[in-house]
Amino acid sequence: PQLGAAAAVRWPSEDLDSRGLREPFRHLSCGGWHLPGQCSKKPLACQLGDAVFVGIVVGYLHTPGGVVAGSWRGGIASMGAVSKSRQWMVEFRGHNFQVSNEQFAEE
């Protein structure tokens, strides 16, 4: 996705909860919309599984692999981490998420 585009992202429900993002998300384990940790159909599967949110792409870094260094396109600084070949920074409710291509969800 391009900078500024809306993007659906699969992310661990437990992490969303730990970041204080307490709102209904679509959970892939049960197919329902609910708060993290509040599933009545498959509570453990949803707690440990992924939920989907739609955020805005605010940066990206495409490398042939190896160590990420320098700056993200879009002005988000990198701290230098091992990267897959493509990474995006997606903002949702004031939180930045470093997202790989595999984490984008169909919406």
Protein backbone atom coordinates (compact mmCIF):
# COMPACT_ATOMS: atom_id res chain seq x y z
CA PRO A 1 0.00 0.00 0.00
CA GLN A 2 1.02 3.60 -0.61
CA LEU A 3 1.73 6.25 2.01
CA GLY A 4 -1.53 7.65 3.32
CA ALA A 5 -3.57 4.63 2.24
CA ALA A 6 -5.96 2.81 4.57
CA ALA A 7 -4.83 -0.77 5.18
CA ALA A 8 -6.43 -3.70 7.01
CA VAL A 9 -3.89 -5.37 9.31
CA ARG A 10 -3.95 -8.70 11.18
CA TRP A 11 -2.45 -8.23 14.64
CA PRO A 12 -2.32 -10.31 17.86
CA SER A 13 -5.37 -9.57 19.97
CA GLU A 14 -3.33 -9.72 23.18
CA ASP A 15 -1.02 -6.95 21.93
CA LEU A 16 -3.96 -4.72 20.99
CA ASP A 17 -5.32 -5.22 24.50
CA SER A 18 -1.92 -4.53 26.13
CA ARG A 19 -1.70 -1.24 24.19
CA GLY A 20 -5.04 -0.20 25.71
CA LEU A 21 -6.95 -0.51 22.44
CA ARG A 22 -10.21 -1.68 23.97
CA GLU A 23 -12.78 -1.53 21.19
CA PRO A 24 -14.56 -4.11 19.04
CA PHE A 25 -12.25 -5.71 16.47
CA ARG A 26 -13.04 -8.45 13.96
CA HIS A 27 -11.37 -11.60 15.28
CA LEU A 28 -10.20 -14.19 12.77
CA SER A 29 -10.61 -17.15 15.17
CA CYS A 30 -14.38 -16.74 15.65
CA GLY A 31 -15.33 -14.36 12.82
CA GLY A 32 -17.06 -12.05 15.30
CA TRP A 33 -16.60 -8.47 16.38
CA HIS A 34 -15.79 -7.96 20.07
CA LEU A 35 -13.35 -6.45 22.55
CA PRO A 36 -10.05 -8.31 22.99
CA GLY A 37 -10.50 -11.06 25.58
CA GLN A 38 -14.31 -10.88 25.47
CA CYS A 39 -15.21 -13.72 23.06
CA SER A 40 -18.10 -15.97 24.06
CA LYS A 41 -17.61 -18.44 21.15
CA LYS A 42 -13.89 -19.29 21.27
CA PRO A 43 -12.39 -17.32 24.19
CA LEU A 44 -8.88 -18.79 24.25
CA ALA A 45 -8.52 -18.95 20.46
CA CYS A 46 -9.54 -15.30 20.13
CA GLN A 47 -7.33 -14.16 22.99
CA LEU A 48 -4.29 -15.86 21.43
CA GLY A 49 -5.28 -15.21 17.81
CA ASP A 50 -5.31 -12.23 15.49
CA ALA A 51 -7.77 -9.39 15.23
CA VAL A 52 -8.09 -6.98 12.29
CA PHE A 53 -7.90 -3.20 12.39
CA VAL A 54 -7.78 -0.61 9.61
CA GLY A 55 -4.97 1.90 9.99
CA ILE A 56 -3.14 4.42 7.82
CA VAL A 57 0.22 3.65 6.18
CA VAL A 58 2.62 6.31 7.47
CA GLY A 59 5.95 4.81 6.41
CA TYR A 60 7.65 1.97 4.60
CA LEU A 61 11.05 0.38 4.18
CA HIS A 62 11.82 -2.10 1.41
CA THR A 63 15.21 -3.78 1.59
CA PRO A 64 16.66 -6.90 0.01
CA GLY A 65 16.77 -8.37 3.55
CA GLY A 66 19.12 -8.07 6.46
CA VAL A 67 19.49 -5.15 8.85
CA VAL A 68 17.19 -2.16 8.68
CA ALA A 69 19.06 1.08 9.18
CA GLY A 70 18.40 4.70 8.39
CA SER A 71 14.97 6.23 8.03
CA TRP A 72 11.58 4.96 7.07
CA ARG A 73 10.05 6.60 4.02
CA GLY A 74 7.52 8.95 5.50
CA GLY A 75 9.85 10.17 8.23
CA ILE A 76 9.51 7.41 10.85
CA ALA A 77 13.00 6.65 12.20
CA SER A 78 14.27 3.09 12.38
CA MET A 79 16.15 1.84 15.40
CA GLY A 80 18.02 -0.81 13.37
CA ALA A 81 16.32 -4.20 13.47
CA VAL A 82 16.39 -7.39 11.48
CA SER A 83 13.84 -7.00 8.71
CA LYS A 84 11.99 -9.04 6.17
CA SER A 85 12.27 -7.61 2.69
CA ARG A 86 9.23 -5.34 3.01
CA GLN A 87 7.98 -3.53 6.09
CA TRP A 88 5.34 -0.86 6.51
CA MET A 89 4.54 1.40 9.45
CA VAL A 90 0.79 1.59 10.01
CA GLU A 91 -0.75 4.06 12.48
CA PHE A 92 -3.93 3.22 14.37
CA ARG A 93 -5.33 5.34 17.22
CA GLY A 94 -1.94 6.94 17.93
CA HIS A 95 -0.02 3.63 17.93
CA ASN A 96 2.51 2.64 15.27
CA PHE A 97 2.66 -0.97 14.08
CA GLN A 98 5.58 -2.36 12.04
CA VAL A 99 3.80 -4.62 9.56
CA SER A 100 5.09 -7.26 7.15
CA ASN A 101 3.38 -8.07 3.87
CA GLU A 102 1.92 -11.26 5.40
CA GLN A 103 0.08 -9.25 8.06
CA PHE A 104 -2.14 -7.33 5.63
CA ALA A 105 -5.68 -8.69 5.75
CA GLU A 106 -8.41 -8.85 3.14
CA GLU A 107 -11.27 -6.47 3.95
